PDB file of all heavy atoms in Angstrom:
ATOM      1  N   GLY A   1       9.067  19.377   9.155  1.00  0.00           N
ATOM      2  CA  GLY A   1       8.132  18.714   8.254  1.00  0.00           C
ATOM      3  C   GLY A   1       7.839  19.464   6.969  1.00  0.00           C
ATOM      4  O   GLY A   1       6.994  19.024   6.184  1.00  0.00           O
ATOM      5  N   PHE A   2       8.516  20.581   6.742  1.00  0.00           N
ATOM      6  CA  PHE A   2       8.352  21.354   5.519  1.00  0.00           C
ATOM      7  C   PHE A   2       9.609  22.186   5.304  1.00  0.00           C
ATOM      8  O   PHE A   2      10.475  22.266   6.187  1.00  0.00           O
ATOM      9  CB  PHE A   2       7.103  22.237   5.589  1.00  0.00           C
ATOM     10  CG  PHE A   2       7.144  23.296   6.650  1.00  0.00           C
ATOM     11  CD1 PHE A   2       7.417  24.622   6.335  1.00  0.00           C
ATOM     12  CD2 PHE A   2       6.928  22.977   7.984  1.00  0.00           C
ATOM     13  CE1 PHE A   2       7.460  25.602   7.316  1.00  0.00           C
ATOM     14  CE2 PHE A   2       6.976  23.941   8.973  1.00  0.00           C
ATOM     15  CZ  PHE A   2       7.239  25.258   8.641  1.00  0.00           C
ATOM     16  N   THR A   3       9.705  22.805   4.124  1.00  0.00           N
ATOM     17  CA  THR A   3      10.870  23.631   3.805  1.00  0.00           C
ATOM     18  C   THR A   3      10.677  25.000   4.441  1.00  0.00           C
ATOM     19  O   THR A   3      10.107  25.916   3.835  1.00  0.00           O
ATOM     20  CB  THR A   3      11.051  23.746   2.282  1.00  0.00           C
ATOM     21  OG1 THR A   3      11.098  22.432   1.713  1.00  0.00           O
ATOM     22  CG2 THR A   3      12.349  24.478   1.958  1.00  0.00           C
ATOM     23  N   PHE A   4      11.181  25.132   5.649  1.00  0.00           N
ATOM     24  CA  PHE A   4      10.906  26.292   6.490  1.00  0.00           C
ATOM     25  C   PHE A   4      11.232  27.610   5.784  1.00  0.00           C
ATOM     26  O   PHE A   4      10.463  28.560   5.835  1.00  0.00           O
ATOM     27  CB  PHE A   4      11.710  26.169   7.782  1.00  0.00           C
ATOM     28  CG  PHE A   4      11.537  27.317   8.739  1.00  0.00           C
ATOM     29  CD1 PHE A   4      10.414  27.415   9.542  1.00  0.00           C
ATOM     30  CD2 PHE A   4      12.515  28.306   8.832  1.00  0.00           C
ATOM     31  CE1 PHE A   4      10.257  28.467  10.433  1.00  0.00           C
ATOM     32  CE2 PHE A   4      12.370  29.362   9.723  1.00  0.00           C
ATOM     33  CZ  PHE A   4      11.236  29.440  10.524  1.00  0.00           C
ATOM     34  N   SER A   5      12.364  27.672   5.127  1.00  0.00           N
ATOM     35  CA  SER A   5      12.838  28.944   4.559  1.00  0.00           C
ATOM     36  C   SER A   5      11.935  29.466   3.440  1.00  0.00           C
ATOM     37  O   SER A   5      12.016  30.643   3.077  1.00  0.00           O
ATOM     38  CB  SER A   5      14.253  28.786   4.038  1.00  0.00           C
ATOM     39  OG  SER A   5      14.306  27.789   3.035  1.00  0.00           O
ATOM     40  N   SER A   6      11.065  28.631   2.915  1.00  0.00           N
ATOM     41  CA  SER A   6      10.244  29.009   1.756  1.00  0.00           C
ATOM     42  C   SER A   6       8.907  29.629   2.124  1.00  0.00           C
ATOM     43  O   SER A   6       8.183  30.088   1.226  1.00  0.00           O
ATOM     44  CB  SER A   6       9.980  27.777   0.875  1.00  0.00           C
ATOM     45  OG  SER A   6      11.185  27.267   0.351  1.00  0.00           O
ATOM     46  N   TYR A   7       8.567  29.649   3.418  1.00  0.00           N
ATOM     47  CA  TYR A   7       7.212  30.036   3.807  1.00  0.00           C
ATOM     48  C   TYR A   7       7.174  31.139   4.850  1.00  0.00           C
ATOM     49  O   TYR A   7       8.039  31.216   5.727  1.00  0.00           O
ATOM     50  CB  TYR A   7       6.456  28.820   4.350  1.00  0.00           C
ATOM     51  CG  TYR A   7       6.208  27.789   3.290  1.00  0.00           C
ATOM     52  CD1 TYR A   7       7.088  26.729   3.132  1.00  0.00           C
ATOM     53  CD2 TYR A   7       5.122  27.893   2.432  1.00  0.00           C
ATOM     54  CE1 TYR A   7       6.889  25.791   2.132  1.00  0.00           C
ATOM     55  CE2 TYR A   7       4.915  26.961   1.434  1.00  0.00           C
ATOM     56  CZ  TYR A   7       5.806  25.914   1.289  1.00  0.00           C
ATOM     57  OH  TYR A   7       5.598  24.988   0.303  1.00  0.00           O
ATOM     58  N   ALA A   8       6.128  31.966   4.740  1.00  0.00           N
ATOM     59  CA  ALA A   8       5.851  32.940   5.780  1.00  0.00           C
ATOM     60  C   ALA A   8       5.409  32.221   7.051  1.00  0.00           C
ATOM     61  O   ALA A   8       4.776  31.164   6.989  1.00  0.00           O
ATOM     62  CB  ALA A   8       4.770  33.910   5.327  1.00  0.00           C
ATOM     63  N   MET A   9       5.752  32.819   8.181  1.00  0.00           N
ATOM     64  CA  MET A   9       5.353  32.299   9.484  1.00  0.00           C
ATOM     65  C   MET A   9       4.684  33.430  10.255  1.00  0.00           C
ATOM     66  O   MET A   9       5.047  34.597  10.110  1.00  0.00           O
ATOM     67  CB  MET A   9       6.558  31.791  10.262  1.00  0.00           C
ATOM     68  CG  MET A   9       7.284  30.619   9.623  1.00  0.00           C
ATOM     69  SD  MET A   9       6.294  29.124   9.561  1.00  0.00           S
ATOM     70  CE  MET A   9       6.015  28.793  11.303  1.00  0.00           C
ATOM     71  N   SER A  10       3.744  33.057  11.099  1.00  0.00           N
ATOM     72  CA  SER A  10       2.999  34.067  11.863  1.00  0.00           C
ATOM     73  C   SER A  10       2.864  33.658  13.327  1.00  0.00           C
ATOM     74  O   SER A  10       2.977  32.488  13.670  1.00  0.00           O
ATOM     75  CB  SER A  10       1.597  34.259  11.275  1.00  0.00           C
ATOM     76  OG  SER A  10       1.641  34.742   9.956  1.00  0.00           O
ATOM     77  N   TRP A  11       2.602  34.668  14.135  1.00  0.00           N
ATOM     78  CA  TRP A  11       2.198  34.469  15.527  1.00  0.00           C
ATOM     79  C   TRP A  11       0.779  35.033  15.677  1.00  0.00           C
ATOM     80  O   TRP A  11       0.499  36.145  15.216  1.00  0.00           O
ATOM     81  CB  TRP A  11       3.123  35.192  16.491  1.00  0.00           C
ATOM     82  CG  TRP A  11       4.462  34.557  16.646  1.00  0.00           C
ATOM     83  CD1 TRP A  11       5.619  34.882  15.988  1.00  0.00           C
ATOM     84  CD2 TRP A  11       4.796  33.492  17.535  1.00  0.00           C
ATOM     85  NE1 TRP A  11       6.637  34.078  16.410  1.00  0.00           N
ATOM     86  CE2 TRP A  11       6.174  33.210  17.353  1.00  0.00           C
ATOM     87  CE3 TRP A  11       4.077  32.741  18.467  1.00  0.00           C
ATOM     88  CZ2 TRP A  11       6.835  32.213  18.080  1.00  0.00           C
ATOM     89  CZ3 TRP A  11       4.733  31.750  19.176  1.00  0.00           C
ATOM     90  CH2 TRP A  11       6.089  31.492  18.980  1.00  0.00           C
ATOM     91  N   TYR A  12      -0.075  34.248  16.311  1.00  0.00           N
ATOM     92  CA  TYR A  12      -1.416  34.665  16.684  1.00  0.00           C
ATOM     93  C   TYR A  12      -1.514  34.586  18.208  1.00  0.00           C
ATOM     94  O   TYR A  12      -0.683  33.945  18.856  1.00  0.00           O
ATOM     95  CB  TYR A  12      -2.467  33.727  16.080  1.00  0.00           C
ATOM     96  CG  TYR A  12      -2.766  33.939  14.631  1.00  0.00           C
ATOM     97  CD1 TYR A  12      -1.854  33.566  13.645  1.00  0.00           C
ATOM     98  CD2 TYR A  12      -3.970  34.495  14.220  1.00  0.00           C
ATOM     99  CE1 TYR A  12      -2.134  33.751  12.296  1.00  0.00           C
ATOM    100  CE2 TYR A  12      -4.278  34.682  12.884  1.00  0.00           C
ATOM    101  CZ  TYR A  12      -3.356  34.304  11.931  1.00  0.00           C
ATOM    102  OH  TYR A  12      -3.651  34.492  10.602  1.00  0.00           O
ATOM    103  N   ARG A  13      -2.548  35.210  18.748  1.00  0.00           N
ATOM    104  CA  ARG A  13      -2.811  35.078  20.180  1.00  0.00           C
ATOM    105  C   ARG A  13      -4.316  35.060  20.432  1.00  0.00           C
ATOM    106  O   ARG A  13      -5.092  35.595  19.641  1.00  0.00           O
ATOM    107  CB  ARG A  13      -2.161  36.198  20.978  1.00  0.00           C
ATOM    108  CG  ARG A  13      -2.758  37.580  20.751  1.00  0.00           C
ATOM    109  CD  ARG A  13      -1.960  38.634  21.520  1.00  0.00           C
ATOM    110  NE  ARG A  13      -2.518  39.975  21.331  1.00  0.00           N
ATOM    111  CZ  ARG A  13      -1.952  41.079  21.803  1.00  0.00           C
ATOM    112  NH1 ARG A  13      -0.808  41.006  22.487  1.00  0.00           N
ATOM    113  NH2 ARG A  13      -2.534  42.258  21.614  1.00  0.00           N
ATOM    114  N   GLN A  14      -4.666  34.441  21.547  1.00  0.00           N
ATOM    115  CA  GLN A  14      -6.060  34.409  21.972  1.00  0.00           C
ATOM    116  C   GLN A  14      -6.121  34.697  23.453  1.00  0.00           C
ATOM    117  O   GLN A  14      -5.664  33.885  24.274  1.00  0.00           O
ATOM    118  CB  GLN A  14      -6.718  33.066  21.653  1.00  0.00           C
ATOM    119  CG  GLN A  14      -8.198  33.049  21.921  1.00  0.00           C
ATOM    120  CD  GLN A  14      -8.897  31.867  21.281  1.00  0.00           C
ATOM    121  OE1 GLN A  14      -8.264  30.898  20.856  1.00  0.00           O
ATOM    122  NE2 GLN A  14     -10.219  31.948  21.174  1.00  0.00           N
ATOM    123  N   GLY A  15      -6.661  35.874  23.788  1.00  0.00           N
ATOM    124  CA  GLY A  15      -6.801  36.267  25.171  1.00  0.00           C
ATOM    125  C   GLY A  15      -8.065  35.710  25.779  1.00  0.00           C
ATOM    126  O   GLY A  15      -8.947  35.220  25.061  1.00  0.00           O
ATOM    127  N   PRO A  16      -8.196  35.806  27.105  1.00  0.00           N
ATOM    128  CA  PRO A  16      -9.392  35.290  27.786  1.00  0.00           C
ATOM    129  C   PRO A  16     -10.667  35.945  27.249  1.00  0.00           C
ATOM    130  O   PRO A  16     -10.774  37.174  27.250  1.00  0.00           O
ATOM    131  CB  PRO A  16      -9.149  35.671  29.245  1.00  0.00           C
ATOM    132  CG  PRO A  16      -7.700  35.938  29.359  1.00  0.00           C
ATOM    133  CD  PRO A  16      -7.227  36.394  28.020  1.00  0.00           C
ATOM    134  N   GLY A  17     -11.599  35.149  26.773  1.00  0.00           N
ATOM    135  CA  GLY A  17     -12.859  35.653  26.265  1.00  0.00           C
ATOM    136  C   GLY A  17     -12.772  36.395  24.949  1.00  0.00           C
ATOM    137  O   GLY A  17     -13.711  37.086  24.555  1.00  0.00           O
ATOM    138  N   LYS A  18     -11.628  36.275  24.283  1.00  0.00           N
ATOM    139  CA  LYS A  18     -11.436  36.999  23.014  1.00  0.00           C
ATOM    140  C   LYS A  18     -11.242  36.027  21.860  1.00  0.00           C
ATOM    141  O   LYS A  18     -10.923  34.856  22.061  1.00  0.00           O
ATOM    142  CB  LYS A  18     -10.209  37.915  23.115  1.00  0.00           C
ATOM    143  CG  LYS A  18     -10.317  38.982  24.185  1.00  0.00           C
ATOM    144  CD  LYS A  18      -9.049  39.832  24.211  1.00  0.00           C
ATOM    145  CE  LYS A  18      -9.114  40.895  25.285  1.00  0.00           C
ATOM    146  NZ  LYS A  18      -7.871  41.705  25.334  1.00  0.00           N
ATOM    147  N   GLU A  19     -11.415  36.540  20.644  1.00  0.00           N
ATOM    148  CA  GLU A  19     -11.137  35.736  19.466  1.00  0.00           C
ATOM    149  C   GLU A  19      -9.635  35.716  19.186  1.00  0.00           C
ATOM    150  O   GLU A  19      -8.897  36.610  19.603  1.00  0.00           O
ATOM    151  CB  GLU A  19     -11.883  36.307  18.258  1.00  0.00           C
ATOM    152  CG  GLU A  19     -13.393  36.204  18.377  1.00  0.00           C
ATOM    153  CD  GLU A  19     -14.088  36.607  17.097  1.00  0.00           C
ATOM    154  OE1 GLU A  19     -13.416  37.071  16.164  1.00  0.00           O
ATOM    155  OE2 GLU A  19     -15.324  36.453  17.034  1.00  0.00           O
ATOM    156  N   ARG A  20      -9.209  34.678  18.480  1.00  0.00           N
ATOM    157  CA  ARG A  20      -7.807  34.603  18.092  1.00  0.00           C
ATOM    158  C   ARG A  20      -7.502  35.716  17.102  1.00  0.00           C
ATOM    159  O   ARG A  20      -8.278  35.976  16.178  1.00  0.00           O
ATOM    160  CB  ARG A  20      -7.507  33.233  17.472  1.00  0.00           C
ATOM    161  CG  ARG A  20      -6.039  32.925  17.338  1.00  0.00           C
ATOM    162  CD  ARG A  20      -5.802  31.486  16.918  1.00  0.00           C
ATOM    163  NE  ARG A  20      -6.270  30.545  17.941  1.00  0.00           N
ATOM    164  CZ  ARG A  20      -5.977  29.246  17.932  1.00  0.00           C
ATOM    165  NH1 ARG A  20      -5.234  28.742  16.957  1.00  0.00           N
ATOM    166  NH2 ARG A  20      -6.445  28.458  18.873  1.00  0.00           N
ATOM    167  N   GLU A  21      -6.365  36.383  17.287  1.00  0.00           N
ATOM    168  CA  GLU A  21      -5.997  37.499  16.425  1.00  0.00           C
ATOM    169  C   GLU A  21      -4.558  37.367  15.946  1.00  0.00           C
ATOM    170  O   GLU A  21      -3.697  36.839  16.655  1.00  0.00           O
ATOM    171  CB  GLU A  21      -6.178  38.833  17.158  1.00  0.00           C
ATOM    172  CG  GLU A  21      -5.287  39.007  18.375  1.00  0.00           C
ATOM    173  CD  GLU A  21      -5.405  40.373  19.031  1.00  0.00           C
ATOM    174  OE1 GLU A  21      -6.076  41.256  18.463  1.00  0.00           O
ATOM    175  OE2 GLU A  21      -4.814  40.560  20.103  1.00  0.00           O
ATOM    176  N   LEU A  22      -4.313  37.909  14.759  1.00  0.00           N
ATOM    177  CA  LEU A  22      -2.965  37.919  14.198  1.00  0.00           C
ATOM    178  C   LEU A  22      -2.129  38.960  14.925  1.00  0.00           C
ATOM    179  O   LEU A  22      -2.547  40.110  15.072  1.00  0.00           O
ATOM    180  CB  LEU A  22      -3.021  38.230  12.704  1.00  0.00           C
ATOM    181  CG  LEU A  22      -1.697  38.361  11.985  1.00  0.00           C
ATOM    182  CD1 LEU A  22      -0.914  37.059  12.018  1.00  0.00           C
ATOM    183  CD2 LEU A  22      -1.927  38.812  10.535  1.00  0.00           C
ATOM    184  N   VAL A  23      -0.939  38.558  15.336  1.00  0.00           N
ATOM    185  CA  VAL A  23      -0.020  39.462  16.033  1.00  0.00           C
ATOM    186  C   VAL A  23       1.070  39.954  15.086  1.00  0.00           C
ATOM    187  O   VAL A  23       1.332  41.156  14.996  1.00  0.00           O
ATOM    188  CB  VAL A  23       0.625  38.749  17.234  1.00  0.00           C
ATOM    189  CG1 VAL A  23       1.675  39.632  17.892  1.00  0.00           C
ATOM    190  CG2 VAL A  23      -0.443  38.334  18.243  1.00  0.00           C
ATOM    191  N   ALA A  24       1.710  39.026  14.378  1.00  0.00           N
ATOM    192  CA  ALA A  24       2.830  39.403  13.515  1.00  0.00           C
ATOM    193  C   ALA A  24       3.074  38.294  12.495  1.00  0.00           C
ATOM    194  O   ALA A  24       2.785  37.130  12.752  1.00  0.00           O
ATOM    195  CB  ALA A  24       4.097  39.650  14.333  1.00  0.00           C
ATOM    196  N   THR A  25       3.627  38.711  11.340  1.00  0.00           N
ATOM    197  CA  THR A  25       3.989  37.789  10.271  1.00  0.00           C
ATOM    198  C   THR A  25       5.361  38.156   9.742  1.00  0.00           C
ATOM    199  O   THR A  25       5.700  39.338   9.664  1.00  0.00           O
ATOM    200  CB  THR A  25       2.970  37.868   9.120  1.00  0.00           C
ATOM    201  OG1 THR A  25       1.688  37.432   9.594  1.00  0.00           O
ATOM    202  CG2 THR A  25       3.378  36.987   7.948  1.00  0.00           C
ATOM    203  N   ILE A  26       6.131  37.131   9.383  1.00  0.00           N
ATOM    204  CA  ILE A  26       7.401  37.347   8.695  1.00  0.00           C
ATOM    205  C   ILE A  26       7.402  36.477   7.451  1.00  0.00           C
ATOM    206  O   ILE A  26       7.108  35.280   7.510  1.00  0.00           O
ATOM    207  CB  ILE A  26       8.614  37.067   9.607  1.00  0.00           C
ATOM    208  CG1 ILE A  26       9.913  37.414   8.899  1.00  0.00           C
ATOM    209  CG2 ILE A  26       8.628  35.625  10.124  1.00  0.00           C
ATOM    210  CD1 ILE A  26      11.121  37.509   9.831  1.00  0.00           C
ATOM    211  N   THR A  27       7.716  37.085   6.310  1.00  0.00           N
ATOM    212  CA  THR A  27       7.697  36.347   5.052  1.00  0.00           C
ATOM    213  C   THR A  27       9.008  35.599   4.836  1.00  0.00           C
ATOM    214  O   THR A  27       9.962  35.725   5.609  1.00  0.00           O
ATOM    215  CB  THR A  27       7.463  37.295   3.881  1.00  0.00           C
ATOM    216  OG1 THR A  27       8.650  38.102   3.708  1.00  0.00           O
ATOM    217  CG2 THR A  27       6.260  38.200   4.113  1.00  0.00           C
TER     218      THR A  27
END
């Protein structure tokens, strides 16, 4: 649905009872 190669992508995670946090990004 978008031009994938043009954008940074990230992974986040949310553990039990925790806030969502940034894990990794690739530009």
